[in-house]
Structure formats: C-alpha cells, structure tokens
Amino acid sequence: MSAGILGMGKFVPERVVTNTDLEKVMDTSDEWIRTRTGIEERRIADDETDTSDMAFAAANQAIRNAGLTAFDIDLILVATVTPDHPFPTVACMLQDRLGARRIPAMDISAACSGFIYGMITAKQFIDNGTLRHVLVVGVEKLSKITNWDDRGTAVLFGDAAAAAVLGNVSEGKGILSFELGADGSGGSYLYQDGKYLKMNGREVFKFAVRQMGESAVHVVEKAGLKKEDIDYLIPHQANIRIMEASRERLGIPEEKMIKTIQKYGNTSASSIPLALIDALEEGKIKDGDVLVMVGFGGGLTWGALTLKWGK
C-alpha cells in the first residue's frame, strides 16, 4: 500500500473578473495580460467570503467524494498564506466547522508550493501507519493582499480552494516520488510587506523557469520513469511562459500539460489541485495515468511529485 488521493473537492467564487474589466480601472490591456501571462480571467471572492469559508466548501466535497465522513479524518493540513487571521489557524477553524474529532490541525505557509508540501507531509503519516486519512487543502484569498493600484501584480492573482483526502491506495499507485526544497536567500523576491503582496517579477521568473523544470525532471528520475511514461504535467499555474518552460524541460508535448491559468489566474496554494480537479471533471485523467505535479512559491520554496492515479 502507498499514499494516494481518495477524493477531491473545489470551490471557486462566482464573481468573474476579466482582463477587460481590469482595463477599465488600471493602465493595462487584455492583449498585454494574455500574451505575457496566459490569463484571461480570474475569480474574486466577495467581502463576506473568507479563506476558511472556501476551505470548508472544498473540504466537504473532498470528504464526500472519498466516501468518508469528517469523523474518518485523522489530520487536517491547510496550505495558505492568506488565513482569516494569524490565529486560530484555518485548519483549526475547519476542524470545528467540519465537526471532526479532536484531531491535529495545522496550516502550512509555503505559498504556491503549499499543497505539494501538504501532500508529502500527509504521505509520511500514512506510509508509517500512524494515520489512515489526511485532509489536505490548498486555499487562498489573494484578493485581500493584492494592491489593485499595482498593475504588475494585480492582473495575476485570483481566489479559490481545492482539497484532497489522502489515504492508502493499491500497490503501484499513489505518490511514487517527490522533491521539496527552499532557498530563503530569495525571500525578498516575493513577499508580503504589511498589507500587500510584492514581487520582483524578473527574479521570480528566472528562479521558477530553472527550478520547476529541474524538479520535474528529478521526480521522474526518482520514480524510475522516462518522459514517455508521463501522461500529464500539472504545473503551478503562475505564468504560461514558466509553465511552457517546464514542459519543454521535461520533454513532453503540449497536449500533455494541464492548463487552467486562463480561467483562474494564479491561485497560489490551490493552483495545482484546482487544475487536477478540472482535468478530472473534463475526463482527461484516467485510472493508471502517471502525473507530474510541480510548483514554486514565496520563501522561496518549491515542490514536485509523481503520482499514479487511482485507488
């Protein structure tokens, strides 16, 4: 047995903000945003919906889709850099709202790499037999830390939540390999200064292009696989040029890369699982497919894994 995904769920706000909408309030254009980022629209949560609300909706759906109840969950991990408040954590709030037992619950602050960090943390508990079912949620309300007067960052981000329940799956399936890392010397390139998110786009781009590609290759090699064995690459949906660079480094065709950036923008910790869920809903991913998930984020952090889909 090995750790894999038993069920998933998502939440995206109803409000759609298009590039054309942004043209009306800042000095930018639909063409500029699309050609440089691949983004066409993003979802923005209303003032009454906070991070924990989105996490709750996605988590409920994931638990149901796993065929479980909240009572079956042994640990809650929430990857987010936009909690409702510093404490209590979103994970603790979620434990209470779900009606789960008095299980451990904690937030993971690894920005856009957070969901991968959560998946691999969950894997350790499941593999060593300590826990049976771990709920991992990636959720961000980035709109509340976005400076809407800064066109360099305001066009990039959106709000969303996506969740997965991890547990034991059949031999040969589940997480096959992983890589996690961090380089704190690059922390000044992507950070929150007081209220708003700030980014050195040039430096983040250079780091992401190199690290995403390298990590994707590394986890394929660690799994004893070749590029021909990969059915889909699911990269962090940050920028289409970064995503394409990762795909080219891995050496797989364009149709094997899952792309949702055009619909949601960069949703940080929820980005990778949200893309996975959309691919499942569209019928792209089948039982036995081999997936590579890779992301990078503020910290600077990065993470990647290979996963053979199925229970």
Protein backbone atom coordinates (compact mmCIF):
# COMPACT_ATOMS: atom_id res chain seq x y z
CA MET A 1 0.00 0.00 0.00
CA SER A 2 1.06 3.59 -0.57
CA ALA A 3 -0.37 7.07 -0.05
CA GLY A 4 -2.63 8.40 -2.77
CA ILE A 5 -5.71 10.53 -3.36
CA LEU A 6 -9.10 9.08 -2.37
CA GLY A 7 -11.29 12.07 -3.19
CA MET A 8 -11.11 15.75 -4.16
CA GLY A 9 -13.22 18.90 -3.97
CA LYS A 10 -13.04 22.53 -5.04
CA PHE A 11 -14.59 25.94 -4.53
CA VAL A 12 -14.30 28.92 -6.87
CA PRO A 13 -16.08 32.23 -6.20
CA GLU A 14 -18.93 33.21 -8.52
CA ARG A 15 -17.55 36.63 -9.42
CA VAL A 16 -15.51 36.59 -12.63
CA VAL A 17 -13.13 39.49 -13.30
CA THR A 18 -11.93 39.58 -16.90
CA ASN A 19 -8.93 41.34 -18.37
CA THR A 20 -11.36 43.77 -19.98
CA ASP A 21 -12.72 44.61 -16.52
CA LEU A 22 -9.19 45.44 -15.37
CA GLU A 23 -8.63 47.65 -18.43
CA LYS A 24 -11.30 49.95 -17.04
CA VAL A 25 -9.60 50.52 -13.69
CA MET A 26 -5.85 50.40 -14.44
CA ASP A 27 -3.33 51.09 -17.18
CA THR A 28 -3.24 47.64 -18.80
CA SER A 29 -4.83 45.75 -21.69
CA ASP A 30 -6.33 42.35 -22.36
CA GLU A 31 -3.68 41.68 -25.03
CA TRP A 32 -0.80 42.59 -22.68
CA ILE A 33 -2.07 40.30 -19.92
CA ARG A 34 -2.87 37.37 -22.21
CA THR A 35 0.40 37.42 -24.16
CA ARG A 36 2.62 37.77 -21.09
CA THR A 37 0.78 35.57 -18.58
CA GLY A 38 -1.83 33.45 -20.36
CA ILE A 39 -4.55 34.77 -18.04
CA GLU A 40 -7.94 35.76 -19.46
CA GLU A 41 -10.00 35.98 -16.27
CA ARG A 42 -9.88 35.20 -12.55
CA ARG A 43 -12.35 34.59 -9.70
CA ILE A 44 -12.61 37.08 -6.84
CA ALA A 45 -14.36 36.27 -3.55
CA ASP A 46 -16.81 38.75 -2.07
CA ASP A 47 -16.24 40.53 1.24
CA GLU A 48 -18.40 38.04 3.15
CA THR A 49 -16.39 35.01 1.96
CA ASP A 50 -13.06 34.45 3.70
CA THR A 51 -10.38 31.80 3.32
CA SER A 52 -11.93 29.41 5.84
CA ASP A 53 -15.30 29.56 4.04
CA MET A 54 -13.73 28.48 0.76
CA ALA A 55 -11.69 25.78 2.52
CA PHE A 56 -14.83 24.40 4.18
CA ALA A 57 -16.71 24.10 0.88
CA ALA A 58 -13.82 22.33 -0.87
CA ALA A 59 -13.08 20.05 2.11
CA ASN A 60 -16.70 18.94 2.44
CA GLN A 61 -16.79 17.97 -1.21
CA ALA A 62 -13.46 16.10 -1.00
CA ILE A 63 -14.57 14.08 2.03
CA ARG A 64 -17.85 13.13 0.34
CA ASN A 65 -16.09 12.17 -2.87
CA ALA A 66 -13.73 9.95 -0.87
CA GLY A 67 -16.76 8.11 0.51
CA LEU A 68 -15.91 9.20 4.05
CA THR A 69 -17.22 11.46 6.79
CA ALA A 70 -15.43 14.10 8.84
CA PHE A 71 -15.20 11.54 11.64
CA ASP A 72 -12.85 9.46 9.45
CA ILE A 73 -10.27 12.25 9.08
CA ASP A 74 -7.16 11.89 11.26
CA LEU A 75 -5.28 15.11 10.40
CA ILE A 76 -6.09 18.40 8.67
CA LEU A 77 -3.41 20.32 6.77
CA VAL A 78 -4.28 23.67 5.19
CA ALA A 79 -1.82 25.28 2.80
CA THR A 80 -2.40 29.04 2.75
CA VAL A 81 -0.65 32.39 3.06
CA THR A 82 -3.95 34.27 3.36
CA PRO A 83 -5.58 32.94 6.54
CA ASP A 84 -8.60 34.68 8.01
CA HIS A 85 -6.25 35.92 10.75
CA PRO A 86 -2.87 34.84 12.18
CA PHE A 87 -4.56 32.51 14.67
CA PRO A 88 -6.52 30.41 15.20
CA THR A 89 -5.38 28.72 12.02
CA VAL A 90 -7.67 27.98 9.11
CA ALA A 91 -7.05 24.28 9.82
CA CYS A 92 -8.41 24.61 13.37
CA MET A 93 -11.41 26.58 12.15
CA LEU A 94 -12.00 23.91 9.53
CA GLN A 95 -11.80 21.10 12.08
CA ASP A 96 -14.55 22.76 14.10
CA ARG A 97 -16.80 23.53 11.13
CA LEU A 98 -16.49 20.03 9.72
CA GLY A 99 -17.39 18.50 13.06
CA ALA A 100 -14.23 16.40 13.03
CA ARG A 101 -12.82 14.69 16.10
CA ARG A 102 -10.20 16.46 18.24
CA ILE A 103 -7.56 15.62 15.66
CA PRO A 104 -4.41 17.63 14.96
CA ALA A 105 -4.84 20.52 12.55
CA MET A 106 -2.27 22.99 11.24
CA ASP A 107 -1.61 25.48 8.48
CA ILE A 108 1.36 25.24 6.12
CA SER A 109 2.86 28.51 4.88
CA ALA A 110 4.82 27.65 1.73
CA ALA A 111 2.90 29.92 -0.67
CA CYS A 112 2.31 28.37 -4.09
CA SER A 113 4.23 25.20 -3.11
CA GLY A 114 1.98 24.69 -0.11
CA PHE A 115 -0.25 21.95 -1.49
CA ILE A 116 2.75 19.82 -2.53
CA TYR A 117 4.27 20.36 0.94
CA GLY A 118 0.96 19.24 2.44
CA MET A 119 0.71 16.16 0.24
CA ILE A 120 4.19 14.99 1.18
CA THR A 121 3.62 15.68 4.88
CA ALA A 122 0.45 13.61 4.71
CA LYS A 123 2.30 10.82 2.91
CA GLN A 124 4.73 10.38 5.81
CA PHE A 125 1.95 9.77 8.35
CA ILE A 126 0.10 7.40 6.02
CA ASP A 127 3.17 5.44 4.94
CA ASN A 128 4.35 4.83 8.51
CA GLY A 129 0.90 3.63 9.55
CA THR A 130 0.31 6.38 12.11
CA LEU A 131 -2.74 7.82 10.36
CA ARG A 132 -5.26 6.49 7.82
CA HIS A 133 -6.87 9.59 6.27
CA VAL A 134 -5.39 13.07 5.93
CA LEU A 135 -7.27 16.08 4.56
CA VAL A 136 -5.03 18.47 2.59
CA VAL A 137 -6.48 21.81 1.49
CA GLY A 138 -4.91 24.47 -0.72
CA VAL A 139 -6.79 27.74 -0.35
CA GLU A 140 -6.12 31.42 -0.95
CA LYS A 141 -8.00 34.69 -0.87
CA LEU A 142 -5.22 36.59 -2.60
CA SER A 143 -7.53 39.46 -3.47
CA LYS A 144 -7.26 40.72 0.11
CA ILE A 145 -3.47 41.14 -0.10
CA THR A 146 -3.40 42.40 -3.70
CA ASN A 147 -2.61 46.05 -4.32
CA TRP A 148 -5.11 46.91 -7.05
CA ASP A 149 -3.09 50.01 -7.91
CA ASP A 150 -0.07 47.86 -8.82
CA ARG A 151 -0.71 46.61 -12.34
CA GLY A 152 2.39 44.39 -12.19
CA THR A 153 0.78 42.09 -9.62
CA ALA A 154 -2.94 42.91 -9.65
CA VAL A 155 -3.52 41.21 -13.01
CA LEU A 156 -2.01 37.91 -11.86
CA PHE A 157 -3.97 36.60 -8.90
CA GLY A 158 -7.32 35.04 -8.05
CA ASP A 159 -9.17 33.31 -5.21
CA ALA A 160 -10.02 29.60 -4.92
CA ALA A 161 -9.86 26.46 -2.79
CA ALA A 162 -9.14 22.83 -3.63
CA ALA A 163 -8.88 19.84 -1.31
CA ALA A 164 -7.82 16.21 -1.34
CA VAL A 165 -8.26 13.33 1.09
CA LEU A 166 -5.19 11.12 1.16
CA GLY A 167 -5.11 7.52 2.30
CA ASN A 168 -3.80 4.10 1.32
CA VAL A 169 -4.26 3.09 -2.31
CA SER A 170 -3.38 -0.06 -4.24
CA GLU A 171 0.22 -1.13 -4.68
CA GLY A 172 1.88 0.67 -7.58
CA LYS A 173 -0.49 3.65 -7.38
CA GLY A 174 -0.37 6.87 -5.40
CA ILE A 175 2.70 9.04 -4.81
CA LEU A 176 5.74 7.43 -6.44
CA SER A 177 8.41 10.07 -5.74
CA PHE A 178 8.80 13.64 -4.53
CA GLU A 179 11.14 16.57 -4.04
CA LEU A 180 10.81 19.50 -1.64
CA GLY A 181 13.14 22.44 -1.23
CA ALA A 182 13.60 26.03 -0.15
CA ASP A 183 16.06 28.88 -0.67
CA GLY A 184 15.50 31.58 1.91
CA SER A 185 18.05 33.86 0.26
CA GLY A 186 15.42 34.61 -2.38
CA GLY A 187 12.76 35.65 0.11
CA SER A 188 12.95 39.30 -0.90
CA TYR A 189 11.77 38.45 -4.42
CA LEU A 190 8.25 37.50 -3.37
CA TYR A 191 6.82 38.57 -0.02
CA GLN A 192 4.06 40.38 1.85
CA ASP A 193 5.07 43.79 3.13
CA GLY A 194 2.49 44.88 5.68
CA LYS A 195 -0.81 44.65 3.84
CA TYR A 196 0.17 43.85 0.25
CA LEU A 197 1.94 41.19 -1.75
CA LYS A 198 5.09 42.39 -3.52
CA MET A 199 7.11 40.69 -6.22
CA ASN A 200 10.30 41.12 -8.19
CA GLY A 201 8.89 39.64 -11.37
CA ARG A 202 12.19 39.29 -13.23
CA GLU A 203 13.93 37.38 -10.43
CA VAL A 204 10.92 35.17 -9.69
CA PHE A 205 10.64 34.32 -13.38
CA LYS A 206 14.30 33.28 -13.61
CA PHE A 207 14.06 31.16 -10.47
CA ALA A 208 10.80 29.50 -11.50
CA VAL A 209 11.89 28.61 -15.02
CA ARG A 210 15.01 26.89 -13.71
CA GLN A 211 13.60 25.23 -10.59
CA MET A 212 10.27 24.00 -11.96
CA GLY A 213 11.99 22.27 -14.87
CA GLU A 214 14.73 20.73 -12.74
CA SER A 215 12.32 19.46 -10.08
CA ALA A 216 10.01 17.91 -12.66
CA VAL A 217 12.91 16.01 -14.20
CA HIS A 218 14.22 14.94 -10.79
CA VAL A 219 10.96 13.35 -9.60
CA VAL A 220 10.53 11.47 -12.87
CA GLU A 221 14.04 10.05 -12.47
CA LYS A 222 13.46 9.22 -8.79
CA ALA A 223 10.35 7.25 -9.76
CA GLY A 224 12.40 5.24 -12.25
CA LEU A 225 10.35 6.60 -15.14
CA LYS A 226 11.06 8.19 -18.51
CA LYS A 227 9.39 11.19 -20.13
CA GLU A 228 7.42 8.79 -22.33
CA ASP A 229 5.77 7.38 -19.19
CA ILE A 230 4.26 10.75 -18.21
CA ASP A 231 0.62 11.18 -19.14
CA TYR A 232 0.15 14.70 -17.78
CA LEU A 233 2.21 17.53 -16.31
CA ILE A 234 0.27 19.66 -13.82
CA PRO A 235 2.41 22.73 -13.09
CA HIS A 236 1.64 25.59 -10.76
CA GLN A 237 -0.48 27.97 -12.82
CA ALA A 238 1.61 31.11 -12.37
CA ASN A 239 2.56 32.22 -15.86
CA ILE A 240 2.14 30.43 -19.18
CA ARG A 241 5.77 31.11 -20.15
CA ILE A 242 7.04 29.48 -16.95
CA MET A 243 4.68 26.54 -17.47
CA GLU A 244 5.83 26.07 -21.06
CA ALA A 245 9.48 26.17 -19.99
CA SER A 246 8.81 23.35 -17.51
CA ARG A 247 7.05 21.31 -20.16
CA GLU A 248 9.90 21.77 -22.61
CA ARG A 249 12.48 20.86 -19.96
CA LEU A 250 10.58 17.66 -19.26
CA GLY A 251 10.38 16.99 -22.98
CA ILE A 252 6.67 16.24 -23.31
CA PRO A 253 4.19 17.51 -25.93
CA GLU A 254 1.90 20.49 -25.33
CA GLU A 255 -1.25 18.35 -25.10
CA LYS A 256 0.17 16.63 -22.02
CA MET A 257 0.24 19.82 -19.92
CA ILE A 258 -2.86 20.70 -17.90
CA LYS A 259 -3.62 24.40 -18.23
CA THR A 260 -6.24 26.35 -16.27
CA ILE A 261 -4.42 29.66 -15.85
CA GLN A 262 -6.66 31.25 -18.47
CA LYS A 263 -9.72 30.66 -16.23
CA TYR A 264 -8.41 31.26 -12.73
CA GLY A 265 -5.11 33.14 -12.87
CA ASN A 266 -2.58 32.37 -10.15
CA THR A 267 -4.43 30.98 -7.11
CA SER A 268 -1.24 30.08 -5.20
CA ALA A 269 -1.69 27.03 -2.94
CA SER A 270 -4.93 25.97 -4.63
CA SER A 271 -3.50 26.21 -8.14
CA ILE A 272 -2.20 22.65 -8.69
CA PRO A 273 -5.11 20.72 -7.10
CA LEU A 274 -7.62 23.00 -8.85
CA ALA A 275 -6.02 22.17 -12.20
CA LEU A 276 -6.09 18.45 -11.33
CA ILE A 277 -9.78 18.56 -10.43
CA ASP A 278 -10.70 20.38 -13.63
CA ALA A 279 -8.80 17.76 -15.65
CA LEU A 280 -10.69 15.00 -13.84
CA GLU A 281 -14.02 16.71 -14.45
CA GLU A 282 -13.19 17.00 -18.15
CA GLY A 283 -12.43 13.27 -18.31
CA LYS A 284 -8.79 13.76 -19.26
CA ILE A 285 -7.23 11.76 -16.44
CA LYS A 286 -7.88 8.02 -16.34
CA ASP A 287 -7.10 5.26 -13.84
CA GLY A 288 -3.41 4.38 -14.03
CA ASP A 289 -2.29 7.68 -15.57
CA VAL A 290 1.07 8.99 -14.36
CA LEU A 291 1.03 12.65 -13.31
CA VAL A 292 3.82 15.08 -12.51
CA MET A 293 2.88 17.99 -10.24
CA VAL A 294 5.39 20.79 -9.72
CA GLY A 295 5.26 24.22 -8.16
CA PHE A 296 7.27 27.09 -6.70
CA GLY A 297 6.39 29.88 -4.32
CA GLY A 298 7.44 32.58 -1.91
CA GLY A 299 10.11 31.55 0.54
CA LEU A 300 11.45 30.77 -1.96
CA THR A 301 10.04 27.25 -1.91
CA TRP A 302 9.47 24.50 -4.44
CA GLY A 303 8.00 21.02 -4.57
CA ALA A 304 7.26 18.29 -7.08
CA LEU A 305 5.89 14.75 -7.10
CA THR A 306 4.93 11.94 -9.43
CA LEU A 307 1.63 10.20 -8.80
CA LYS A 308 -0.03 7.22 -10.45
CA TRP A 309 -3.73 7.99 -10.44
CA GLY A 310 -6.21 5.56 -8.93
CA LYS A 311 -7.22 3.81 -5.75
